[in-house]
Amino acid sequence: MSTDERIVALEKHLHTLQATQVDLNSQLKEARLEQWQGRIDNLELQVHLAAADGSDRLTQMSEKLRSAWARTRVEVEDASSTASSAGETLRAGLQSAYTDVREALLETRSKITRS
C-alpha cells in the first residue's frame, strides 16, 4: 500500500471515528436527559406520597375533631352539664386538634423538603 493510499484509508477511518464520536455524544446527551427525567419523576412521586400521607393524617385528625365537637354538643344539650364543662371540653379538643394538624403539616413539609 502506497503512502497516498494509507493517507486516504486513515482519513476514511478518521471520518468514521468522528461520526461514531458524534453518535456517542448524542446517545450520552439522551441518556443524561432520561436520567434527569427519571430523577424528576421520582421526586414528584415522593411529593405525592408525602402529600397523601399528610392528607390521611389530616383526615384522621378531622374525624377526631368532629368527634370532640359531637361530644361537646351532647354535653351542651344535656341539662345536667354545665356550660363551663362543655366549653372546657371544646377548648381542649380544639387545642389538641390544632396541635395535631400543625405537627402533621410540619412533618409533611419536612418529608417534602428532604426529598
PDB file of N, CA and C in Angstrom:
ATOM      1  N   MET A   1       0.861  -1.162   0.000  1.00  0.00           N
ATOM      2  CA  MET A   1       0.000   0.000   0.000  1.00  0.00           C
ATOM      3  C   MET A   1       0.909   1.227   0.000  1.00  0.00           C
ATOM      4  N   SER A   2       0.564   2.152  -0.895  1.00  0.00           N
ATOM      5  CA  SER A   2       1.383   3.360  -1.014  1.00  0.00           C
ATOM      6  C   SER A   2       1.022   4.342   0.088  1.00  0.00           C
ATOM      7  N   THR A   3       1.860   5.327   0.231  1.00  0.00           N
ATOM      8  CA  THR A   3       1.642   6.341   1.252  1.00  0.00           C
ATOM      9  C   THR A   3       0.333   7.071   1.026  1.00  0.00           C
ATOM     10  N   ASP A   4       0.041   7.410  -0.211  1.00  0.00           N
ATOM     11  CA  ASP A   4      -1.225   8.110  -0.523  1.00  0.00           C
ATOM     12  C   ASP A   4      -2.433   7.236  -0.187  1.00  0.00           C
ATOM     13  N   GLU A   5      -2.332   5.955  -0.470  1.00  0.00           N
ATOM     14  CA  GLU A   5      -3.423   5.033  -0.168  1.00  0.00           C
ATOM     15  C   GLU A   5      -3.607   4.926   1.355  1.00  0.00           C
ATOM     16  N   ARG A   6      -2.489   4.882   2.081  1.00  0.00           N
ATOM     17  CA  ARG A   6      -2.565   4.817   3.543  1.00  0.00           C
ATOM     18  C   ARG A   6      -3.183   6.085   4.104  1.00  0.00           C
ATOM     19  N   ILE A   7      -2.846   7.222   3.533  1.00  0.00           N
ATOM     20  CA  ILE A   7      -3.415   8.503   3.983  1.00  0.00           C
ATOM     21  C   ILE A   7      -4.911   8.509   3.730  1.00  0.00           C
ATOM     22  N   VAL A   8      -5.339   8.080   2.566  1.00  0.00           N
ATOM     23  CA  VAL A   8      -6.768   8.027   2.234  1.00  0.00           C
ATOM     24  C   VAL A   8      -7.488   7.069   3.191  1.00  0.00           C
ATOM     25  N   ALA A   9      -6.905   5.928   3.454  1.00  0.00           N
ATOM     26  CA  ALA A   9      -7.511   4.949   4.364  1.00  0.00           C
ATOM     27  C   ALA A   9      -7.590   5.509   5.781  1.00  0.00           C
ATOM     28  N   LEU A  10      -6.534   6.174   6.217  1.00  0.00           N
ATOM     29  CA  LEU A  10      -6.541   6.773   7.555  1.00  0.00           C
ATOM     30  C   LEU A  10      -7.562   7.902   7.643  1.00  0.00           C
ATOM     31  N   GLU A  11      -7.709   8.687   6.587  1.00  0.00           N
ATOM     32  CA  GLU A  11      -8.712   9.764   6.573  1.00  0.00           C
ATOM     33  C   GLU A  11     -10.120   9.187   6.647  1.00  0.00           C
ATOM     34  N   LYS A  12     -10.361   8.104   5.925  1.00  0.00           N
ATOM     35  CA  LYS A  12     -11.674   7.447   5.988  1.00  0.00           C
ATOM     36  C   LYS A  12     -11.939   6.923   7.396  1.00  0.00           C
ATOM     37  N   HIS A  13     -10.904   6.310   7.964  1.00  0.00           N
ATOM     38  CA  HIS A  13     -11.045   5.780   9.331  1.00  0.00           C
ATOM     39  C   HIS A  13     -11.282   6.917  10.327  1.00  0.00           C
ATOM     40  N   LEU A  14     -10.584   8.025  10.136  1.00  0.00           N
ATOM     41  CA  LEU A  14     -10.763   9.204  10.993  1.00  0.00           C
ATOM     42  C   LEU A  14     -12.186   9.747  10.882  1.00  0.00           C
ATOM     43  N   HIS A  15     -12.719   9.828   9.666  1.00  0.00           N
ATOM     44  CA  HIS A  15     -14.097  10.300   9.470  1.00  0.00           C
ATOM     45  C   HIS A  15     -15.096   9.341  10.120  1.00  0.00           C
ATOM     46  N   THR A  16     -14.810   8.052  10.010  1.00  0.00           N
ATOM     47  CA  THR A  16     -15.677   7.057  10.653  1.00  0.00           C
ATOM     48  C   THR A  16     -15.651   7.231  12.167  1.00  0.00           C
ATOM     49  N   LEU A  17     -14.459   7.426  12.716  1.00  0.00           N
ATOM     50  CA  LEU A  17     -14.333   7.632  14.158  1.00  0.00           C
ATOM     51  C   LEU A  17     -15.024   8.923  14.599  1.00  0.00           C
ATOM     52  N   GLN A  18     -14.910   9.976  13.804  1.00  0.00           N
ATOM     53  CA  GLN A  18     -15.568  11.238  14.136  1.00  0.00           C
ATOM     54  C   GLN A  18     -17.089  11.081  14.095  1.00  0.00           C
ATOM     55  N   ALA A  19     -17.588  10.363  13.127  1.00  0.00           N
ATOM     56  CA  ALA A  19     -19.035  10.119  13.047  1.00  0.00           C
ATOM     57  C   ALA A  19     -19.501   9.294  14.241  1.00  0.00           C
ATOM     58  N   THR A  20     -18.705   8.301  14.617  1.00  0.00           N
ATOM     59  CA  THR A  20     -19.032   7.482  15.787  1.00  0.00           C
ATOM     60  C   THR A  20     -19.033   8.337  17.049  1.00  0.00           C
ATOM     61  N   GLN A  21     -18.049   9.240  17.157  1.00  0.00           N
ATOM     62  CA  GLN A  21     -17.977  10.128  18.320  1.00  0.00           C
ATOM     63  C   GLN A  21     -19.210  11.022  18.395  1.00  0.00           C
ATOM     64  N   VAL A  22     -19.643  11.569  17.276  1.00  0.00           N
ATOM     65  CA  VAL A  22     -20.844  12.412  17.253  1.00  0.00           C
ATOM     66  C   VAL A  22     -22.059  11.598  17.694  1.00  0.00           C
ATOM     67  N   ASP A  23     -22.162  10.364  17.199  1.00  0.00           N
ATOM     68  CA  ASP A  23     -23.278   9.497  17.565  1.00  0.00           C
ATOM     69  C   ASP A  23     -23.247   9.153  19.056  1.00  0.00           C
ATOM     70  N   LEU A  24     -22.072   8.838  19.574  1.00  0.00           N
ATOM     71  CA  LEU A  24     -21.953   8.509  21.003  1.00  0.00           C
ATOM     72  C   LEU A  24     -22.257   9.726  21.885  1.00  0.00           C
ATOM     73  N   ASN A  25     -21.832  10.909  21.469  1.00  0.00           N
ATOM     74  CA  ASN A  25     -22.156  12.121  22.226  1.00  0.00           C
ATOM     75  C   ASN A  25     -23.660  12.362  22.244  1.00  0.00           C
ATOM     76  N   SER A  26     -24.302  12.101  21.121  1.00  0.00           N
ATOM     77  CA  SER A  26     -25.754  12.254  21.050  1.00  0.00           C
ATOM     78  C   SER A  26     -26.450  11.256  21.978  1.00  0.00           C
ATOM     79  N   GLN A  27     -25.974  10.011  21.981  1.00  0.00           N
ATOM     80  CA  GLN A  27     -26.543   8.996  22.866  1.00  0.00           C
ATOM     81  C   GLN A  27     -26.316   9.348  24.335  1.00  0.00           C
ATOM     82  N   LEU A  28     -25.140   9.896  24.646  1.00  0.00           N
ATOM     83  CA  LEU A  28     -24.832  10.301  26.015  1.00  0.00           C
ATOM     84  C   LEU A  28     -25.755  11.433  26.472  1.00  0.00           C
ATOM     85  N   LYS A  29     -25.984  12.399  25.601  1.00  0.00           N
ATOM     86  CA  LYS A  29     -26.898  13.501  25.933  1.00  0.00           C
ATOM     87  C   LYS A  29     -28.296  12.969  26.193  1.00  0.00           C
ATOM     88  N   GLU A  30     -28.742  12.051  25.344  1.00  0.00           N
ATOM     89  CA  GLU A  30     -30.071  11.457  25.513  1.00  0.00           C
ATOM     90  C   GLU A  30     -30.173  10.680  26.819  1.00  0.00           C
ATOM     91  N   ALA A  31     -29.133   9.927  27.146  1.00  0.00           N
ATOM     92  CA  ALA A  31     -29.127   9.155  28.394  1.00  0.00           C
ATOM     93  C   ALA A  31     -29.159  10.085  29.605  1.00  0.00           C
ATOM     94  N   ARG A  32     -28.424  11.179  29.545  1.00  0.00           N
ATOM     95  CA  ARG A  32     -28.435  12.140  30.653  1.00  0.00           C
ATOM     96  C   ARG A  32     -29.805  12.783  30.808  1.00  0.00           C
ATOM     97  N   LEU A  33     -30.438  13.125  29.688  1.00  0.00           N
ATOM     98  CA  LEU A  33     -31.792  13.695  29.757  1.00  0.00           C
ATOM     99  C   LEU A  33     -32.771  12.702  30.376  1.00  0.00           C
ATOM    100  N   GLU A  34     -32.679  11.440  29.969  1.00  0.00           N
ATOM    101  CA  GLU A  34     -33.557  10.410  30.527  1.00  0.00           C
ATOM    102  C   GLU A  34     -33.284  10.213  32.011  1.00  0.00           C
ATOM    103  N   GLN A  35     -32.007  10.284  32.404  1.00  0.00           N
ATOM    104  CA  GLN A  35     -31.654  10.142  33.815  1.00  0.00           C
ATOM    105  C   GLN A  35     -32.275  11.279  34.633  1.00  0.00           C
ATOM    106  N   TRP A  36     -32.187  12.501  34.134  1.00  0.00           N
ATOM    107  CA  TRP A  36     -32.773  13.632  34.855  1.00  0.00           C
ATOM    108  C   TRP A  36     -34.297  13.541  34.886  1.00  0.00           C
ATOM    109  N   GLN A  37     -34.893  13.058  33.804  1.00  0.00           N
ATOM    110  CA  GLN A  37     -36.346  12.883  33.790  1.00  0.00           C
ATOM    111  C   GLN A  37     -36.747  11.856  34.847  1.00  0.00           C
ATOM    112  N   GLY A  38     -35.971  10.782  34.970  1.00  0.00           N
ATOM    113  CA  GLY A  38     -36.245   9.774  35.995  1.00  0.00           C
ATOM    114  C   GLY A  38     -36.131  10.354  37.394  1.00  0.00           C
ATOM    115  N   ARG A  39     -35.135  11.200  37.621  1.00  0.00           N
ATOM    116  CA  ARG A  39     -34.985  11.837  38.928  1.00  0.00           C
ATOM    117  C   ARG A  39     -36.178  12.741  39.231  1.00  0.00           C
ATOM    118  N   ILE A  40     -36.594  13.504  38.239  1.00  0.00           N
ATOM    119  CA  ILE A  40     -37.740  14.403  38.432  1.00  0.00           C
ATOM    120  C   ILE A  40     -38.999  13.590  38.717  1.00  0.00           C
ATOM    121  N   ASP A  41     -39.204  12.519  37.962  1.00  0.00           N
ATOM    122  CA  ASP A  41     -40.371  11.651  38.197  1.00  0.00           C
ATOM    123  C   ASP A  41     -40.344  11.078  39.612  1.00  0.00           C
ATOM    124  N   ASN A  42     -39.164  10.672  40.068  1.00  0.00           N
ATOM    125  CA  ASN A  42     -39.021  10.123  41.418  1.00  0.00           C
ATOM    126  C   ASN A  42     -39.363  11.174  42.467  1.00  0.00           C
ATOM    127  N   LEU A  43     -38.878  12.391  42.280  1.00  0.00           N
ATOM    128  CA  LEU A  43     -39.182  13.462  43.232  1.00  0.00           C
ATOM    129  C   LEU A  43     -40.684  13.769  43.253  1.00  0.00           C
ATOM    130  N   GLU A  44     -41.297  13.800  42.081  1.00  0.00           N
ATOM    131  CA  GLU A  44     -42.740  14.048  42.030  1.00  0.00           C
ATOM    132  C   GLU A  44     -43.503  12.955  42.768  1.00  0.00           C
ATOM    133  N   LEU A  45     -43.073  11.719  42.599  1.00  0.00           N
ATOM    134  CA  LEU A  45     -43.718  10.608  43.296  1.00  0.00           C
ATOM    135  C   LEU A  45     -43.571  10.764  44.804  1.00  0.00           C
ATOM    136  N   GLN A  46     -42.380  11.130  45.258  1.00  0.00           N
ATOM    137  CA  GLN A  46     -42.156  11.324  46.686  1.00  0.00           C
ATOM    138  C   GLN A  46     -43.022  12.447  47.240  1.00  0.00           C
ATOM    139  N   VAL A  47     -43.178  13.530  46.472  1.00  0.00           N
ATOM    140  CA  VAL A  47     -44.027  14.641  46.903  1.00  0.00           C
ATOM    141  C   VAL A  47     -45.478  14.177  47.017  1.00  0.00           C
ATOM    142  N   HIS A  48     -45.948  13.418  46.020  1.00  0.00           N
ATOM    143  CA  HIS A  48     -47.330  12.932  46.058  1.00  0.00           C
ATOM    144  C   HIS A  48     -47.555  11.978  47.227  1.00  0.00           C
ATOM    145  N   LEU A  49     -46.574  11.119  47.485  1.00  0.00           N
ATOM    146  CA  LEU A  49     -46.709  10.183  48.609  1.00  0.00           C
ATOM    147  C   LEU A  49     -46.727  10.930  49.939  1.00  0.00           C
ATOM    148  N   ALA A  50     -45.876  11.929  50.069  1.00  0.00           N
ATOM    149  CA  ALA A  50     -45.860  12.722  51.304  1.00  0.00           C
ATOM    150  C   ALA A  50     -47.174  13.481  51.463  1.00  0.00           C
ATOM    151  N   ALA A  51     -47.687  14.018  50.351  1.00  0.00           N
ATOM    152  CA  ALA A  51     -48.952  14.733  50.412  1.00  0.00           C
ATOM    153  C   ALA A  51     -50.097  13.789  50.775  1.00  0.00           C
ATOM    154  N   ALA A  52     -50.067  12.581  50.210  1.00  0.00           N
ATOM    155  CA  ALA A  52     -51.115  11.598  50.528  1.00  0.00           C
ATOM    156  C   ALA A  52     -51.045  11.206  52.001  1.00  0.00           C
ATOM    157  N   ASP A  53     -49.830  11.020  52.499  1.00  0.00           N
ATOM    158  CA  ASP A  53     -49.658  10.682  53.913  1.00  0.00           C
ATOM    159  C   ASP A  53     -50.190  11.813  54.781  1.00  0.00           C
ATOM    160  N   GLY A  54     -49.855  13.040  54.414  1.00  0.00           N
ATOM    161  CA  GLY A  54     -50.348  14.197  55.164  1.00  0.00           C
ATOM    162  C   GLY A  54     -51.860  14.299  55.094  1.00  0.00           C
ATOM    163  N   SER A  55     -52.410  14.015  53.923  1.00  0.00           N
ATOM    164  CA  SER A  55     -53.859  14.068  53.751  1.00  0.00           C
ATOM    165  C   SER A  55     -54.553  13.027  54.620  1.00  0.00           C
ATOM    166  N   ASP A  56     -53.986  11.828  54.667  1.00  0.00           N
ATOM    167  CA  ASP A  56     -54.561  10.769  55.511  1.00  0.00           C
ATOM    168  C   ASP A  56     -54.542  11.174  56.980  1.00  0.00           C
ATOM    169  N   ARG A  57     -53.417  11.739  57.408  1.00  0.00           N
ATOM    170  CA  ARG A  57     -53.310  12.161  58.809  1.00  0.00           C
ATOM    171  C   ARG A  57     -54.290  13.291  59.102  1.00  0.00           C
ATOM    172  N   LEU A  58     -54.439  14.222  58.167  1.00  0.00           N
ATOM    173  CA  LEU A  58     -55.372  15.328  58.381  1.00  0.00           C
ATOM    174  C   LEU A  58     -56.813  14.821  58.413  1.00  0.00           C
ATOM    175  N   THR A  59     -57.120  13.818  57.605  1.00  0.00           N
ATOM    176  CA  THR A  59     -58.459  13.237  57.626  1.00  0.00           C
ATOM    177  C   THR A  59     -58.743  12.596  58.987  1.00  0.00           C
ATOM    178  N   GLN A  60     -57.762  11.861  59.515  1.00  0.00           N
ATOM    179  CA  GLN A  60     -57.938  11.244  60.832  1.00  0.00           C
ATOM    180  C   GLN A  60     -58.133  12.311  61.907  1.00  0.00           C
ATOM    181  N   MET A  61     -57.351  13.377  61.817  1.00  0.00           N
ATOM    182  CA  MET A  61     -57.473  14.435  62.823  1.00  0.00           C
ATOM    183  C   MET A  61     -58.799  15.173  62.694  1.00  0.00           C
ATOM    184  N   SER A  62     -59.256  15.342  61.467  1.00  0.00           N
ATOM    185  CA  SER A  62     -60.544  15.977  61.254  1.00  0.00           C
ATOM    186  C   SER A  62     -61.665  15.142  61.876  1.00  0.00           C
ATOM    187  N   GLU A  63     -61.553  13.827  61.742  1.00  0.00           N
ATOM    188  CA  GLU A  63     -62.549  12.937  62.350  1.00  0.00           C
ATOM    189  C   GLU A  63     -62.506  13.048  63.867  1.00  0.00           C
ATOM    190  N   LYS A  64     -61.309  13.134  64.452  1.00  0.00           N
ATOM    191  CA  LYS A  64     -61.188  13.303  65.898  1.00  0.00           C
ATOM    192  C   LYS A  64     -61.833  14.624  66.335  1.00  0.00           C
ATOM    193  N   LEU A  65     -61.622  15.661  65.545  1.00  0.00           N
ATOM    194  CA  LEU A  65     -62.199  16.962  65.869  1.00  0.00           C
ATOM    195  C   LEU A  65     -63.725  16.909  65.794  1.00  0.00           C
ATOM    196  N   ARG A  66     -64.244  16.250  64.767  1.00  0.00           N
ATOM    197  CA  ARG A  66     -65.705  16.113  64.653  1.00  0.00           C
ATOM    198  C   ARG A  66     -66.275  15.340  65.837  1.00  0.00           C
ATOM    199  N   SER A  67     -65.539  14.307  66.236  1.00  0.00           N
ATOM    200  CA  SER A  67     -65.974  13.505  67.377  1.00  0.00           C
ATOM    201  C   SER A  67     -65.995  14.355  68.650  1.00  0.00           C
ATOM    202  N   ALA A  68     -64.948  15.156  68.844  1.00  0.00           N
ATOM    203  CA  ALA A  68     -64.900  16.033  70.021  1.00  0.00           C
ATOM    204  C   ALA A  68     -66.044  17.038  69.971  1.00  0.00           C
ATOM    205  N   TRP A  69     -66.323  17.545  68.786  1.00  0.00           N
ATOM    206  CA  TRP A  69     -67.426  18.501  68.639  1.00  0.00           C
ATOM    207  C   TRP A  69     -68.767  17.840  68.961  1.00  0.00           C
ATOM    208  N   ALA A  70     -68.950  16.619  68.490  1.00  0.00           N
ATOM    209  CA  ALA A  70     -70.199  15.898  68.760  1.00  0.00           C
ATOM    210  C   ALA A  70     -70.368  15.653  70.254  1.00  0.00           C
ATOM    211  N   ARG A  71     -69.293  15.246  70.936  1.00  0.00           N
ATOM    212  CA  ARG A  71     -69.371  15.039  72.382  1.00  0.00           C
ATOM    213  C   ARG A  71     -69.699  16.344  73.104  1.00  0.00           C
ATOM    214  N   THR A  72     -69.085  17.414  72.677  1.00  0.00           N
ATOM    215  CA  THR A  72     -69.332  18.710  73.310  1.00  0.00           C
ATOM    216  C   THR A  72     -70.769  19.148  73.090  1.00  0.00           C
ATOM    217  N   ARG A  73     -71.256  18.937  71.891  1.00  0.00           N
ATOM    218  CA  ARG A  73     -72.634  19.321  71.599  1.00  0.00           C
ATOM    219  C   ARG A  73     -73.614  18.549  72.469  1.00  0.00           C
ATOM    220  N   VAL A  74     -73.347  17.258  72.664  1.00  0.00           N
ATOM    221  CA  VAL A  74     -74.203  16.439  73.528  1.00  0.00           C
ATOM    222  C   VAL A  74     -74.168  16.989  74.943  1.00  0.00           C
ATOM    223  N   GLU A  75     -72.973  17.367  75.413  1.00  0.00           N
ATOM    224  CA  GLU A  75     -72.855  17.916  76.761  1.00  0.00           C
ATOM    225  C   GLU A  75     -73.612  19.229  76.893  1.00  0.00           C
ATOM    226  N   VAL A  76     -73.542  20.061  75.853  1.00  0.00           N
ATOM    227  CA  VAL A  76     -74.250  21.345  75.905  1.00  0.00           C
ATOM    228  C   VAL A  76     -75.762  21.101  75.936  1.00  0.00           C
ATOM    229  N   GLU A  77     -76.209  20.136  75.165  1.00  0.00           N
ATOM    230  CA  GLU A  77     -77.640  19.856  75.107  1.00  0.00           C
ATOM    231  C   GLU A  77     -78.131  19.154  76.374  1.00  0.00           C
ATOM    232  N   ASP A  78     -77.233  18.488  77.084  1.00  0.00           N
ATOM    233  CA  ASP A  78     -77.592  17.800  78.312  1.00  0.00           C
ATOM    234  C   ASP A  78     -77.790  18.825  79.425  1.00  0.00           C
ATOM    235  N   ALA A  79     -78.948  18.829  80.008  1.00  0.00           N
ATOM    236  CA  ALA A  79     -79.281  19.829  81.025  1.00  0.00           C
ATOM    237  C   ALA A  79     -78.418  19.681  82.270  1.00  0.00           C
ATOM    238  N   SER A  80     -77.903  18.482  82.533  1.00  0.00           N
ATOM    239  CA  SER A  80     -77.111  18.287  83.744  1.00  0.00           C
ATOM    240  C   SER A  80     -75.670  18.790  83.577  1.00  0.00           C
ATOM    241  N   SER A  81     -75.282  19.088  82.372  1.00  0.00           N
ATOM    242  CA  SER A  81     -73.915  19.549  82.125  1.00  0.00           C
ATOM    243  C   SER A  81     -73.851  21.056  82.269  1.00  0.00           C
ATOM    244  N   THR A  82     -72.784  21.537  82.803  1.00  0.00           N
ATOM    245  CA  THR A  82     -72.626  22.984  82.937  1.00  0.00           C
ATOM    246  C   THR A  82     -71.979  23.532  81.671  1.00  0.00           C
ATOM    247  N   ALA A  83     -72.210  24.793  81.430  1.00  0.00           N
ATOM    248  CA  ALA A  83     -71.671  25.440  80.239  1.00  0.00           C
ATOM    249  C   ALA A  83     -70.154  25.480  80.284  1.00  0.00           C
ATOM    250  N   SER A  84     -69.584  25.664  81.455  1.00  0.00           N
ATOM    251  CA  SER A  84     -68.127  25.739  81.545  1.00  0.00           C
ATOM    252  C   SER A  84     -67.483  24.393  81.235  1.00  0.00           C
ATOM    253  N   SER A  85     -68.140  23.292  81.647  1.00  0.00           N
ATOM    254  CA  SER A  85     -67.611  21.966  81.361  1.00  0.00           C
ATOM    255  C   SER A  85     -67.615  21.713  79.859  1.00  0.00           C
ATOM    256  N   ALA A  86     -68.693  22.088  79.198  1.00  0.00           N
ATOM    257  CA  ALA A  86     -68.785  21.902  77.754  1.00  0.00           C
ATOM    258  C   ALA A  86     -67.761  22.787  77.038  1.00  0.00           C
ATOM    259  N   GLY A  87     -67.629  24.010  77.505  1.00  0.00           N
ATOM    260  CA  GLY A  87     -66.648  24.921  76.894  1.00  0.00           C
ATOM    261  C   GLY A  87     -65.238  24.413  77.073  1.00  0.00           C
ATOM    262  N   GLU A  88     -64.944  23.880  78.250  1.00  0.00           N
ATOM    263  CA  GLU A  88     -63.602  23.340  78.508  1.00  0.00           C
ATOM    264  C   GLU A  88     -63.318  22.132  77.627  1.00  0.00           C
ATOM    265  N   THR A  89     -64.315  21.276  77.456  1.00  0.00           N
ATOM    266  CA  THR A  89     -64.155  20.106  76.596  1.00  0.00           C
ATOM    267  C   THR A  89     -63.892  20.538  75.157  1.00  0.00           C
ATOM    268  N   LEU A  90     -64.650  21.506  74.689  1.00  0.00           N
ATOM    269  CA  LEU A  90     -64.473  22.009  73.330  1.00  0.00           C
ATOM    270  C   LEU A  90     -63.092  22.633  73.170  1.00  0.00           C
ATOM    271  N   ARG A  91     -62.694  23.465  74.132  1.00  0.00           N
ATOM    272  CA  ARG A  91     -61.394  24.127  74.049  1.00  0.00           C
ATOM    273  C   ARG A  91     -60.263  23.101  74.014  1.00  0.00           C
ATOM    274  N   ALA A  92     -60.335  22.097  74.878  1.00  0.00           N
ATOM    275  CA  ALA A  92     -59.297  21.063  74.921  1.00  0.00           C
ATOM    276  C   ALA A  92     -59.248  20.287  73.604  1.00  0.00           C
ATOM    277  N   GLY A  93     -60.412  19.960  73.077  1.00  0.00           N
ATOM    278  CA  GLY A  93     -60.466  19.229  71.806  1.00  0.00           C
ATOM    279  C   GLY A  93     -59.903  20.045  70.664  1.00  0.00           C
ATOM    280  N   LEU A  94     -60.246  21.333  70.628  1.00  0.00           N
ATOM    281  CA  LEU A  94     -59.736  22.196  69.565  1.00  0.00           C
ATOM    282  C   LEU A  94     -58.230  22.397  69.690  1.00  0.00           C
ATOM    283  N   GLN A  95     -57.755  22.567  70.907  1.00  0.00           N
ATOM    284  CA  GLN A  95     -56.306  22.722  71.105  1.00  0.00           C
ATOM    285  C   GLN A  95     -55.565  21.469  70.656  1.00  0.00           C
ATOM    286  N   SER A  96     -56.078  20.333  71.021  1.00  0.00           N
ATOM    287  CA  SER A  96     -55.455  19.070  70.634  1.00  0.00           C
ATOM    288  C   SER A  96     -55.459  18.915  69.113  1.00  0.00           C
ATOM    289  N   ALA A  97     -56.583  19.223  68.492  1.00  0.00           N
ATOM    290  CA  ALA A  97     -56.688  19.110  67.035  1.00  0.00           C
ATOM    291  C   ALA A  97     -55.726  20.080  66.350  1.00  0.00           C
ATOM    292  N   TYR A  98     -55.651  21.304  66.856  1.00  0.00           N
ATOM    293  CA  TYR A  98     -54.744  22.299  66.282  1.00  0.00           C
ATOM    294  C   TYR A  98     -53.298  21.811  66.370  1.00  0.00           C
ATOM    295  N   THR A  99     -52.922  21.289  67.522  1.00  0.00           N
ATOM    296  CA  THR A  99     -51.562  20.785  67.713  1.00  0.00           C
ATOM    297  C   THR A  99     -51.280  19.626  66.769  1.00  0.00           C
ATOM    298  N   ASP A 100     -52.234  18.696  66.648  1.00  0.00           N
ATOM    299  CA  ASP A 100     -52.048  17.542  65.769  1.00  0.00           C
ATOM    300  C   ASP A 100     -51.923  17.976  64.311  1.00  0.00           C
ATOM    301  N   VAL A 101     -52.780  18.886  63.870  1.00  0.00           N
ATOM    302  CA  VAL A 101     -52.742  19.362  62.485  1.00  0.00           C
ATOM    303  C   VAL A 101     -51.417  20.074  62.219  1.00  0.00           C
ATOM    304  N   ARG A 102     -50.983  20.909  63.144  1.00  0.00           N
ATOM    305  CA  ARG A 102     -49.720  21.638  62.977  1.00  0.00           C
ATOM    306  C   ARG A 102     -48.552  20.667  62.860  1.00  0.00           C
ATOM    307  N   GLU A 103     -48.516  19.661  63.728  1.00  0.00           N
ATOM    308  CA  GLU A 103     -47.441  18.667  63.675  1.00  0.00           C
ATOM    309  C   GLU A 103     -47.471  17.889  62.367  1.00  0.00           C
ATOM    310  N   ALA A 104     -48.656  17.526  61.894  1.00  0.00           N
ATOM    311  CA  ALA A 104     -48.765  16.781  60.637  1.00  0.00           C
ATOM    312  C   ALA A 104     -48.278  17.627  59.464  1.00  0.00           C
ATOM    313  N   LEU A 105     -48.646  18.898  59.461  1.00  0.00           N
ATOM    314  CA  LEU A 105     -48.203  19.770  58.371  1.00  0.00           C
ATOM    315  C   LEU A 105     -46.687  19.976  58.407  1.00  0.00           C
ATOM    316  N   LEU A 106     -46.139  20.159  59.589  1.00  0.00           N
ATOM    317  CA  LEU A 106     -44.683  20.328  59.701  1.00  0.00           C
ATOM    318  C   LEU A 106     -43.951  19.059  59.269  1.00  0.00           C
ATOM    319  N   GLU A 107     -44.481  17.908  59.650  1.00  0.00           N
ATOM    320  CA  GLU A 107     -43.861  16.640  59.266  1.00  0.00           C
ATOM    321  C   GLU A 107     -43.944  16.435  57.758  1.00  0.00           C
ATOM    322  N   THR A 108     -45.089  16.764  57.167  1.00  0.00           N
ATOM    323  CA  THR A 108     -45.247  16.627  55.720  1.00  0.00           C
ATOM    324  C   THR A 108     -44.292  17.554  54.996  1.00  0.00           C
ATOM    325  N   ARG A 109     -44.177  18.804  55.472  1.00  0.00           N
ATOM    326  CA  ARG A 109     -43.255  19.752  54.856  1.00  0.00           C
ATOM    327  C   ARG A 109     -41.825  19.239  54.965  1.00  0.00           C
ATOM    328  N   SER A 110     -41.493  18.667  56.102  1.00  0.00           N
ATOM    329  CA  SER A 110     -40.152  18.127  56.300  1.00  0.00           C
ATOM    330  C   SER A 110     -39.876  16.986  55.328  1.00  0.00           C
ATOM    331  N   LYS A 111     -40.860  16.109  55.122  1.00  0.00           N
ATOM    332  CA  LYS A 111     -40.693  14.995  54.188  1.00  0.00           C
ATOM    333  C   LYS A 111     -40.491  15.506  52.777  1.00  0.00           C
ATOM    334  N   ILE A 112     -41.252  16.536  52.416  1.00  0.00           N
ATOM    335  CA  ILE A 112     -41.163  17.071  51.059  1.00  0.00           C
ATOM    336  C   ILE A 112     -39.813  17.740  50.839  1.00  0.00           C
ATOM    337  N   THR A 113     -39.335  18.497  51.820  1.00  0.00           N
ATOM    338  CA  THR A 113     -38.066  19.203  51.639  1.00  0.00           C
ATOM    339  C   THR A 113     -36.882  18.248  51.671  1.00  0.00           C
ATOM    340  N   ARG A 114     -37.008  17.096  52.341  1.00  0.00           N
ATOM    341  CA  ARG A 114     -35.927  16.108  52.352  1.00  0.00           C
ATOM    342  C   ARG A 114     -35.842  15.370  51.033  1.00  0.00           C
ATOM    343  N   SER A 115     -36.931  15.314  50.275  1.00  0.00           N
ATOM    344  CA  SER A 115     -36.965  14.534  49.029  1.00  0.00           C
ATOM    345  C   SER A 115     -36.135  15.139  47.959  1.00  0.00           C
TER     346      SER A 115
END
